[in-house]
Amino acid sequence: MLPDLGKYVVPVLSAYGAMIILAGGLVLASLKSAKDSKKTLAKLEQKRKAKSND
């Protein structure tokens, strides 16, 4: 399945591994940011509704 990389097998596979780890980290950071943004938006909407009811 893998092509013959010869002496470059370690650097190439290390690069793939690093890319997978970094991409996974970006996905997790994006999901956390979205979750935090939803919480902030919900709080702001509650404050706005409370002000409009007064």
N, C-alpha and C. Protein backbone atom coordinates (compact mmCIF):
# COMPACT_ATOMS: atom_id res chain seq x y z
N MET A 1 0.82 -1.19 0.00
CA MET A 1 0.00 0.00 0.00
C MET A 1 0.87 1.26 0.00
N LEU A 2 1.88 1.33 0.83
CA LEU A 2 2.78 2.49 0.85
C LEU A 2 3.79 2.38 -0.28
N PRO A 3 4.05 3.49 -0.94
CA PRO A 3 5.11 3.45 -1.96
C PRO A 3 6.47 3.31 -1.27
N ASP A 4 7.44 2.84 -2.02
CA ASP A 4 8.79 2.68 -1.48
C ASP A 4 9.41 4.06 -1.34
N LEU A 5 9.58 4.53 -0.11
CA LEU A 5 10.12 5.86 0.14
C LEU A 5 11.62 5.83 0.41
N GLY A 6 12.17 4.64 0.52
CA GLY A 6 13.60 4.50 0.74
C GLY A 6 14.05 5.19 2.01
N LYS A 7 15.06 6.01 1.89
CA LYS A 7 15.63 6.67 3.07
C LYS A 7 14.75 7.82 3.58
N TYR A 8 13.70 8.17 2.85
CA TYR A 8 12.83 9.28 3.25
C TYR A 8 11.60 8.84 4.03
N VAL A 9 11.51 7.57 4.38
CA VAL A 9 10.31 7.06 5.03
C VAL A 9 10.05 7.75 6.37
N VAL A 10 11.08 7.96 7.17
CA VAL A 10 10.88 8.58 8.48
C VAL A 10 10.44 10.04 8.35
N PRO A 11 11.11 10.88 7.55
CA PRO A 11 10.65 12.27 7.45
C PRO A 11 9.25 12.41 6.85
N VAL A 12 8.94 11.58 5.85
CA VAL A 12 7.63 11.69 5.21
C VAL A 12 6.53 11.26 6.18
N LEU A 13 6.71 10.13 6.85
CA LEU A 13 5.69 9.68 7.79
C LEU A 13 5.60 10.61 8.99
N SER A 14 6.70 11.20 9.40
CA SER A 14 6.67 12.18 10.50
C SER A 14 5.88 13.42 10.08
N ALA A 15 6.06 13.84 8.85
CA ALA A 15 5.31 15.00 8.35
C ALA A 15 3.81 14.71 8.31
N TYR A 16 3.45 13.51 7.85
CA TYR A 16 2.03 13.14 7.86
C TYR A 16 1.49 13.10 9.28
N GLY A 17 2.25 12.53 10.19
CA GLY A 17 1.80 12.46 11.59
C GLY A 17 1.62 13.84 12.19
N ALA A 18 2.59 14.73 11.93
CA ALA A 18 2.49 16.09 12.46
C ALA A 18 1.28 16.82 11.86
N MET A 19 1.04 16.60 10.57
CA MET A 19 -0.11 17.25 9.93
C MET A 19 -1.41 16.78 10.54
N ILE A 20 -1.52 15.48 10.81
CA ILE A 20 -2.75 14.95 11.41
C ILE A 20 -2.96 15.52 12.80
N ILE A 21 -1.89 15.60 13.59
CA ILE A 21 -2.00 16.15 14.95
C ILE A 21 -2.39 17.63 14.90
N LEU A 22 -1.75 18.40 14.02
CA LEU A 22 -2.06 19.83 13.93
C LEU A 22 -3.48 20.07 13.42
N ALA A 23 -3.89 19.31 12.42
CA ALA A 23 -5.25 19.46 11.90
C ALA A 23 -6.27 19.09 12.97
N GLY A 24 -6.00 18.05 13.71
CA GLY A 24 -6.90 17.67 14.81
C GLY A 24 -6.98 18.76 15.86
N GLY A 25 -5.84 19.37 16.17
CA GLY A 25 -5.83 20.46 17.13
C GLY A 25 -6.64 21.66 16.65
N LEU A 26 -6.55 21.96 15.36
CA LEU A 26 -7.34 23.06 14.81
C LEU A 26 -8.84 22.77 14.89
N VAL A 27 -9.21 21.53 14.61
CA VAL A 27 -10.62 21.15 14.69
C VAL A 27 -11.11 21.30 16.13
N LEU A 28 -10.33 20.80 17.09
CA LEU A 28 -10.74 20.91 18.50
C LEU A 28 -10.82 22.36 18.94
N ALA A 29 -9.86 23.18 18.53
CA ALA A 29 -9.89 24.60 18.89
C ALA A 29 -11.10 25.29 18.28
N SER A 30 -11.46 24.95 17.06
CA SER A 30 -12.63 25.54 16.41
C SER A 30 -13.92 25.14 17.12
N LEU A 31 -14.01 23.87 17.50
CA LEU A 31 -15.20 23.42 18.21
C LEU A 31 -15.33 24.11 19.57
N LYS A 32 -14.22 24.28 20.28
CA LYS A 32 -14.25 24.97 21.57
C LYS A 32 -14.66 26.42 21.39
N SER A 33 -14.11 27.06 20.37
CA SER A 33 -14.45 28.46 20.11
C SER A 33 -15.93 28.61 19.78
N ALA A 34 -16.46 27.69 18.99
CA ALA A 34 -17.89 27.74 18.64
C ALA A 34 -18.75 27.56 19.89
N LYS A 35 -18.35 26.66 20.76
CA LYS A 35 -19.11 26.42 21.99
C LYS A 35 -19.09 27.67 22.87
N ASP A 36 -17.92 28.30 23.01
CA ASP A 36 -17.81 29.52 23.80
C ASP A 36 -18.64 30.65 23.20
N SER A 37 -18.63 30.75 21.88
CA SER A 37 -19.41 31.80 21.21
C SER A 37 -20.90 31.60 21.42
N LYS A 38 -21.35 30.36 21.38
CA LYS A 38 -22.77 30.09 21.62
C LYS A 38 -23.17 30.48 23.04
N LYS A 39 -22.30 30.20 24.02
CA LYS A 39 -22.60 30.58 25.40
C LYS A 39 -22.67 32.10 25.53
N THR A 40 -21.72 32.80 24.93
CA THR A 40 -21.71 34.25 24.99
C THR A 40 -22.95 34.84 24.33
N LEU A 41 -23.31 34.31 23.18
CA LEU A 41 -24.49 34.81 22.48
C LEU A 41 -25.76 34.57 23.31
N ALA A 42 -25.87 33.41 23.94
CA ALA A 42 -27.04 33.13 24.77
C ALA A 42 -27.13 34.11 25.94
N LYS A 43 -25.99 34.41 26.56
CA LYS A 43 -25.99 35.37 27.67
C LYS A 43 -26.41 36.76 27.19
N LEU A 44 -25.89 37.18 26.04
CA LEU A 44 -26.25 38.50 25.51
C LEU A 44 -27.73 38.57 25.16
N GLU A 45 -28.26 37.49 24.60
CA GLU A 45 -29.68 37.48 24.27
C GLU A 45 -30.54 37.54 25.52
N GLN A 46 -30.12 36.86 26.59
CA GLN A 46 -30.87 36.93 27.85
C GLN A 46 -30.87 38.35 28.41
N LYS A 47 -29.71 39.00 28.35
CA LYS A 47 -29.62 40.38 28.84
C LYS A 47 -30.51 41.30 28.02
N ARG A 48 -30.52 41.12 26.70
CA ARG A 48 -31.33 41.95 25.82
C ARG A 48 -32.81 41.74 26.12
N LYS A 49 -33.22 40.50 26.33
CA LYS A 49 -34.63 40.21 26.63
C LYS A 49 -35.00 40.79 27.98
N ALA A 50 -34.09 40.73 28.95
CA ALA A 50 -34.37 41.28 30.28
C ALA A 50 -34.55 42.80 30.19
N LYS A 51 -33.74 43.45 29.38
CA LYS A 51 -33.86 44.90 29.23
C LYS A 51 -35.16 45.28 28.51
N SER A 52 -35.56 44.48 27.54
CA SER A 52 -36.77 44.83 26.81
C SER A 52 -38.03 44.58 27.65
N ASN A 53 -37.93 43.71 28.65
CA ASN A 53 -39.07 43.43 29.53
C ASN A 53 -39.23 44.50 30.60
N ASP A 54 -38.19 45.28 30.85
CA ASP A 54 -38.26 46.30 31.91
C ASP A 54 -39.02 47.51 31.51
